[in-house]
Amino acid sequence: MNDSGPGAADAAGPRRKDVRRNQQTLLDAAAAVFVTSGVEAPVRDIAAKAGVGVGTVYRHFPTRADLVIAVYRHQVDACAEAGPALLAAEATPHAALERWVELFVDFLVTKHGLAAAMQSDNAGFEALHAYFLDRLLPVCAELLDAAAAADGIRADITAYELMRGIGNLCIGAENDSRYEARRLVALLVAGLCRP
């Protein structure tokens, strides 16, 4: 019997969609658990949050490192995809930039140990950092350019400078309840406006 006919292709398509959907559900659940419990949270907590068995988690992500890396990449991708969507949806490019910066800050402040967990594998961390820059710098640059052209914000700041400044303002925010990184980042973004 040949399983390579049209019926097999139709069956494989929905199955692949189910696998992708299950993986996305696991990544979202893992990200939520990491925020509340850190990256060392028990896999059973992630499975429970996703509504699946522990075996399903291990089937998709054989090691904790695989899961942490996948969550990090998933969050970077979501932040990257938000930029163009915000440019299309917000009233002004400046409003889109402000909203994207809020999402970027949420990513930086709530990643709870993802970067630290990955730094133990220097080569892996460097690859993820390069992925982070490759995905997010062009998005930030597009938002800055659009806001500078339409709203009169300063045009002399680069995406790298802005993202680095935001990142520096977010360092340690998750460990100090007295420090409000979001407020300081909002002041930084307000300072982009031309006098």
C-alpha atoms as a PDB file:
ATOM      1  CA  MET A   1       0.000   0.000   0.000  1.00  0.00           C
ATOM      2  CA  ASN A   2       1.291   3.459  -0.913  1.00  0.00           C
ATOM      3  CA  ASP A   3       0.793   6.246   1.652  1.00  0.00           C
ATOM      4  CA  SER A   4       2.139   8.937  -0.617  1.00  0.00           C
ATOM      5  CA  GLY A   5      -1.128   9.733  -2.433  1.00  0.00           C
ATOM      6  CA  PRO A   6      -3.164  12.922  -2.067  1.00  0.00           C
ATOM      7  CA  GLY A   7      -4.965  11.656   1.029  1.00  0.00           C
ATOM      8  CA  ALA A   8      -1.633  11.218   2.851  1.00  0.00           C
ATOM      9  CA  ALA A   9      -0.628  14.807   2.068  1.00  0.00           C
ATOM     10  CA  ASP A  10      -3.969  16.109   3.342  1.00  0.00           C
ATOM     11  CA  ALA A  11      -3.611  14.122   6.536  1.00  0.00           C
ATOM     12  CA  ALA A  12      -0.007  15.324   7.044  1.00  0.00           C
ATOM     13  CA  GLY A  13      -0.982  19.001   6.644  1.00  0.00           C
ATOM     14  CA  PRO A  14      -3.460  19.125   9.549  1.00  0.00           C
ATOM     15  CA  ARG A  15      -1.142  16.963  11.641  1.00  0.00           C
ATOM     16  CA  ARG A  16       1.733  19.422  11.111  1.00  0.00           C
ATOM     17  CA  LYS A  17      -0.577  22.282  12.053  1.00  0.00           C
ATOM     18  CA  ASP A  18      -1.556  20.412  15.232  1.00  0.00           C
ATOM     19  CA  VAL A  19       2.108  19.805  16.067  1.00  0.00           C
ATOM     20  CA  ARG A  20       2.919  23.510  15.533  1.00  0.00           C
ATOM     21  CA  ARG A  21      -0.106  24.565  17.581  1.00  0.00           C
ATOM     22  CA  ASN A  22       0.881  22.175  20.401  1.00  0.00           C
ATOM     23  CA  GLN A  23       4.427  23.489  20.319  1.00  0.00           C
ATOM     24  CA  GLN A  24       3.184  27.097  20.481  1.00  0.00           C
ATOM     25  CA  THR A  25       0.958  26.197  23.430  1.00  0.00           C
ATOM     26  CA  LEU A  26       3.942  24.631  25.202  1.00  0.00           C
ATOM     27  CA  LEU A  27       6.128  27.679  24.514  1.00  0.00           C
ATOM     28  CA  ASP A  28       3.470  30.063  25.820  1.00  0.00           C
ATOM     29  CA  ALA A  29       2.953  27.899  28.916  1.00  0.00           C
ATOM     30  CA  ALA A  30       6.705  27.627  29.543  1.00  0.00           C
ATOM     31  CA  ALA A  31       7.149  31.384  29.174  1.00  0.00           C
ATOM     32  CA  ALA A  32       4.358  32.016  31.699  1.00  0.00           C
ATOM     33  CA  VAL A  33       5.792  29.504  34.173  1.00  0.00           C
ATOM     34  CA  PHE A  34       9.308  30.926  33.745  1.00  0.00           C
ATOM     35  CA  VAL A  35       8.000  34.397  34.627  1.00  0.00           C
ATOM     36  CA  THR A  36       6.504  33.205  37.903  1.00  0.00           C
ATOM     37  CA  SER A  37       8.910  30.417  38.863  1.00  0.00           C
ATOM     38  CA  GLY A  38      12.123  30.897  36.871  1.00  0.00           C
ATOM     39  CA  VAL A  39      13.708  28.652  34.273  1.00  0.00           C
ATOM     40  CA  GLU A  40      14.310  25.850  36.773  1.00  0.00           C
ATOM     41  CA  ALA A  41      10.557  25.346  37.271  1.00  0.00           C
ATOM     42  CA  PRO A  42       9.492  21.693  37.197  1.00  0.00           C
ATOM     43  CA  VAL A  43       8.508  20.389  33.769  1.00  0.00           C
ATOM     44  CA  ARG A  44       5.296  19.048  35.310  1.00  0.00           C
ATOM     45  CA  ASP A  45       4.261  22.680  36.034  1.00  0.00           C
ATOM     46  CA  ILE A  46       4.791  23.603  32.387  1.00  0.00           C
ATOM     47  CA  ALA A  47       2.873  20.525  31.235  1.00  0.00           C
ATOM     48  CA  ALA A  48      -0.005  21.330  33.596  1.00  0.00           C
ATOM     49  CA  LYS A  49      -0.142  24.950  32.395  1.00  0.00           C
ATOM     50  CA  ALA A  50      -0.252  23.708  28.772  1.00  0.00           C
ATOM     51  CA  GLY A  51      -2.825  21.014  29.559  1.00  0.00           C
ATOM     52  CA  VAL A  52      -0.612  18.172  28.326  1.00  0.00           C
ATOM     53  CA  GLY A  53       1.363  15.326  29.807  1.00  0.00           C
ATOM     54  CA  VAL A  54       5.025  15.623  30.795  1.00  0.00           C
ATOM     55  CA  GLY A  55       5.923  13.212  27.979  1.00  0.00           C
ATOM     56  CA  THR A  56       4.537  15.677  25.434  1.00  0.00           C
ATOM     57  CA  VAL A  57       6.890  18.374  26.713  1.00  0.00           C
ATOM     58  CA  TYR A  58       9.885  16.032  26.389  1.00  0.00           C
ATOM     59  CA  ARG A  59       8.748  14.892  22.947  1.00  0.00           C
ATOM     60  CA  HIS A  60       8.935  18.477  21.710  1.00  0.00           C
ATOM     61  CA  PHE A  61      11.896  19.592  23.849  1.00  0.00           C
ATOM     62  CA  PRO A  62      14.150  16.701  24.937  1.00  0.00           C
ATOM     63  CA  THR A  63      16.234  18.873  27.299  1.00  0.00           C
ATOM     64  CA  ARG A  64      15.588  21.912  29.479  1.00  0.00           C
ATOM     65  CA  ALA A  65      18.132  23.817  27.374  1.00  0.00           C
ATOM     66  CA  ASP A  66      16.083  23.024  24.248  1.00  0.00           C
ATOM     67  CA  LEU A  67      12.984  24.417  25.943  1.00  0.00           C
ATOM     68  CA  VAL A  68      14.705  27.558  27.268  1.00  0.00           C
ATOM     69  CA  ILE A  69      16.203  28.312  23.860  1.00  0.00           C
ATOM     70  CA  ALA A  70      12.866  27.740  22.124  1.00  0.00           C
ATOM     71  CA  VAL A  71      11.055  30.046  24.577  1.00  0.00           C
ATOM     72  CA  TYR A  72      13.669  32.761  24.107  1.00  0.00           C
ATOM     73  CA  ARG A  73      13.465  32.534  20.303  1.00  0.00           C
ATOM     74  CA  HIS A  74       9.650  32.439  20.442  1.00  0.00           C
ATOM     75  CA  GLN A  75       9.593  35.644  22.494  1.00  0.00           C
ATOM     76  CA  VAL A  76      12.113  37.372  20.225  1.00  0.00           C
ATOM     77  CA  ASP A  77      10.016  36.392  17.203  1.00  0.00           C
ATOM     78  CA  ALA A  78       6.837  37.748  18.811  1.00  0.00           C
ATOM     79  CA  CYS A  79       8.552  41.065  19.546  1.00  0.00           C
ATOM     80  CA  ALA A  80       9.919  41.255  15.999  1.00  0.00           C
ATOM     81  CA  GLU A  81       6.542  40.499  14.430  1.00  0.00           C
ATOM     82  CA  ALA A  82       4.845  43.129  16.591  1.00  0.00           C
ATOM     83  CA  GLY A  83       6.778  46.026  15.017  1.00  0.00           C
ATOM     84  CA  PRO A  84       5.217  46.030  11.546  1.00  0.00           C
ATOM     85  CA  ALA A  85       1.803  45.188  12.989  1.00  0.00           C
ATOM     86  CA  LEU A  86       1.993  48.181  15.338  1.00  0.00           C
ATOM     87  CA  LEU A  87       3.084  50.486  12.514  1.00  0.00           C
ATOM     88  CA  ALA A  88      -0.032  49.445  10.610  1.00  0.00           C
ATOM     89  CA  ALA A  89      -2.402  49.652  13.582  1.00  0.00           C
ATOM     90  CA  GLU A  90      -1.330  52.649  15.678  1.00  0.00           C
ATOM     91  CA  ALA A  91      -2.414  56.222  14.938  1.00  0.00           C
ATOM     92  CA  THR A  92       1.168  57.458  14.448  1.00  0.00           C
ATOM     93  CA  PRO A  93       4.604  55.890  13.991  1.00  0.00           C
ATOM     94  CA  HIS A  94       5.649  57.478  17.290  1.00  0.00           C
ATOM     95  CA  ALA A  95       2.762  55.718  19.049  1.00  0.00           C
ATOM     96  CA  ALA A  96       3.820  52.463  17.356  1.00  0.00           C
ATOM     97  CA  LEU A  97       7.405  52.983  18.575  1.00  0.00           C
ATOM     98  CA  GLU A  98       6.221  53.671  22.134  1.00  0.00           C
ATOM     99  CA  ARG A  99       4.038  50.557  22.157  1.00  0.00           C
ATOM    100  CA  TRP A 100       6.829  48.406  20.706  1.00  0.00           C
ATOM    101  CA  VAL A 101       9.258  49.698  23.323  1.00  0.00           C
ATOM    102  CA  GLU A 102       6.744  48.649  26.006  1.00  0.00           C
ATOM    103  CA  LEU A 103       6.678  45.127  24.532  1.00  0.00           C
ATOM    104  CA  PHE A 104      10.469  45.085  24.328  1.00  0.00           C
ATOM    105  CA  VAL A 105      10.743  46.141  27.989  1.00  0.00           C
ATOM    106  CA  ASP A 106       8.250  43.433  28.981  1.00  0.00           C
ATOM    107  CA  PHE A 107      10.425  40.900  27.168  1.00  0.00           C
ATOM    108  CA  LEU A 108      13.604  42.128  28.858  1.00  0.00           C
ATOM    109  CA  VAL A 109      12.158  42.425  32.369  1.00  0.00           C
ATOM    110  CA  THR A 110      10.126  39.212  32.403  1.00  0.00           C
ATOM    111  CA  LYS A 111      12.555  36.786  30.809  1.00  0.00           C
ATOM    112  CA  HIS A 112      13.595  35.786  34.373  1.00  0.00           C
ATOM    113  CA  GLY A 113      16.888  34.035  34.037  1.00  0.00           C
ATOM    114  CA  LEU A 114      16.624  32.987  30.390  1.00  0.00           C
ATOM    115  CA  ALA A 115      19.798  34.834  29.428  1.00  0.00           C
ATOM    116  CA  ALA A 116      21.630  33.746  32.584  1.00  0.00           C
ATOM    117  CA  ALA A 117      20.626  30.135  32.011  1.00  0.00           C
ATOM    118  CA  MET A 118      21.935  30.276  28.462  1.00  0.00           C
ATOM    119  CA  GLN A 119      25.229  31.981  29.318  1.00  0.00           C
ATOM    120  CA  SER A 120      26.560  28.715  30.702  1.00  0.00           C
ATOM    121  CA  ASP A 121      26.852  27.599  27.053  1.00  0.00           C
ATOM    122  CA  ASN A 122      28.912  30.425  25.573  1.00  0.00           C
ATOM    123  CA  ALA A 123      28.582  29.367  21.932  1.00  0.00           C
ATOM    124  CA  GLY A 124      24.833  28.838  22.292  1.00  0.00           C
ATOM    125  CA  PHE A 125      24.407  32.166  24.059  1.00  0.00           C
ATOM    126  CA  GLU A 126      26.366  34.019  21.384  1.00  0.00           C
ATOM    127  CA  ALA A 127      24.207  32.436  18.679  1.00  0.00           C
ATOM    128  CA  LEU A 128      21.033  33.473  20.506  1.00  0.00           C
ATOM    129  CA  HIS A 129      22.332  36.987  21.088  1.00  0.00           C
ATOM    130  CA  ALA A 130      23.094  37.246  17.365  1.00  0.00           C
ATOM    131  CA  TYR A 131      19.557  35.979  16.631  1.00  0.00           C
ATOM    132  CA  PHE A 132      18.160  38.608  19.032  1.00  0.00           C
ATOM    133  CA  LEU A 133      20.056  41.395  17.255  1.00  0.00           C
ATOM    134  CA  ASP A 134      19.323  40.089  13.747  1.00  0.00           C
ATOM    135  CA  ARG A 135      15.575  39.917  14.431  1.00  0.00           C
ATOM    136  CA  LEU A 136      15.052  43.041  16.556  1.00  0.00           C
ATOM    137  CA  LEU A 137      17.499  45.682  15.291  1.00  0.00           C
ATOM    138  CA  PRO A 138      15.815  45.984  11.852  1.00  0.00           C
ATOM    139  CA  VAL A 139      12.387  46.262  13.483  1.00  0.00           C
ATOM    140  CA  CYS A 140      13.532  48.965  15.884  1.00  0.00           C
ATOM    141  CA  ALA A 141      15.273  50.797  13.029  1.00  0.00           C
ATOM    142  CA  GLU A 142      12.104  50.693  10.918  1.00  0.00           C
ATOM    143  CA  LEU A 143      10.066  52.122  13.785  1.00  0.00           C
ATOM    144  CA  LEU A 144      12.643  54.842  14.512  1.00  0.00           C
ATOM    145  CA  ASP A 145      12.872  55.829  10.843  1.00  0.00           C
ATOM    146  CA  ALA A 146       9.088  56.000  10.469  1.00  0.00           C
ATOM    147  CA  ALA A 147       8.711  58.041  13.658  1.00  0.00           C
ATOM    148  CA  ALA A 148      11.522  60.417  12.652  1.00  0.00           C
ATOM    149  CA  ALA A 149       9.979  60.971   9.221  1.00  0.00           C
ATOM    150  CA  ALA A 150       6.407  61.454  10.445  1.00  0.00           C
ATOM    151  CA  ASP A 151       6.553  62.793  13.966  1.00  0.00           C
ATOM    152  CA  GLY A 152       9.743  64.754  14.198  1.00  0.00           C
ATOM    153  CA  ILE A 153      11.605  62.647  16.729  1.00  0.00           C
ATOM    154  CA  ARG A 154      15.379  62.889  16.696  1.00  0.00           C
ATOM    155  CA  ALA A 155      16.956  61.118  13.757  1.00  0.00           C
ATOM    156  CA  ASP A 156      20.436  60.878  15.272  1.00  0.00           C
ATOM    157  CA  ILE A 157      19.892  57.809  17.456  1.00  0.00           C
ATOM    158  CA  THR A 158      20.440  54.333  16.089  1.00  0.00           C
ATOM    159  CA  ALA A 159      18.360  51.275  16.828  1.00  0.00           C
ATOM    160  CA  TYR A 160      21.348  49.689  18.549  1.00  0.00           C
ATOM    161  CA  GLU A 161      21.819  52.718  20.837  1.00  0.00           C
ATOM    162  CA  LEU A 162      18.143  52.783  21.759  1.00  0.00           C
ATOM    163  CA  MET A 163      17.906  49.054  22.404  1.00  0.00           C
ATOM    164  CA  ARG A 164      21.154  49.071  24.386  1.00  0.00           C
ATOM    165  CA  GLY A 165      19.946  52.026  26.478  1.00  0.00           C
ATOM    166  CA  ILE A 166      16.634  50.300  27.155  1.00  0.00           C
ATOM    167  CA  GLY A 167      18.438  47.078  28.030  1.00  0.00           C
ATOM    168  CA  ASN A 168      20.718  48.873  30.473  1.00  0.00           C
ATOM    169  CA  LEU A 169      17.741  50.519  32.165  1.00  0.00           C
ATOM    170  CA  CYS A 170      16.102  47.096  32.581  1.00  0.00           C
ATOM    171  CA  ILE A 171      19.070  45.355  34.236  1.00  0.00           C
ATOM    172  CA  GLY A 172      18.076  44.067  37.661  1.00  0.00           C
ATOM    173  CA  ALA A 173      14.517  45.412  37.484  1.00  0.00           C
ATOM    174  CA  GLU A 174      13.046  41.972  38.221  1.00  0.00           C
ATOM    175  CA  ASN A 175      14.975  41.787  41.510  1.00  0.00           C
ATOM    176  CA  ASP A 176      14.204  45.238  42.953  1.00  0.00           C
ATOM    177  CA  SER A 177      10.593  46.161  43.647  1.00  0.00           C
ATOM    178  CA  ARG A 178      11.610  49.804  44.271  1.00  0.00           C
ATOM    179  CA  TYR A 179      13.019  50.184  40.765  1.00  0.00           C
ATOM    180  CA  GLU A 180      10.564  50.914  37.950  1.00  0.00           C
ATOM    181  CA  ALA A 181      12.410  50.344  34.680  1.00  0.00           C
ATOM    182  CA  ARG A 182       9.315  51.043  32.598  1.00  0.00           C
ATOM    183  CA  ARG A 183       9.075  54.596  33.950  1.00  0.00           C
ATOM    184  CA  LEU A 184      12.708  55.345  33.130  1.00  0.00           C
ATOM    185  CA  VAL A 185      12.387  53.818  29.668  1.00  0.00           C
ATOM    186  CA  ALA A 186       9.319  56.013  29.056  1.00  0.00           C
ATOM    187  CA  LEU A 187      11.475  59.054  29.972  1.00  0.00           C
ATOM    188  CA  LEU A 188      14.147  57.859  27.530  1.00  0.00           C
ATOM    189  CA  VAL A 189      11.599  57.507  24.730  1.00  0.00           C
ATOM    190  CA  ALA A 190      10.091  60.924  25.561  1.00  0.00           C
ATOM    191  CA  GLY A 191      13.601  62.341  25.185  1.00  0.00           C
ATOM    192  CA  LEU A 192      13.621  61.241  21.538  1.00  0.00           C
ATOM    193  CA  CYS A 193      11.247  64.089  20.662  1.00  0.00           C
ATOM    194  CA  ARG A 194      12.890  67.094  19.029  1.00  0.00           C
ATOM    195  CA  PRO A 195      12.959  70.200  21.222  1.00  0.00           C
END
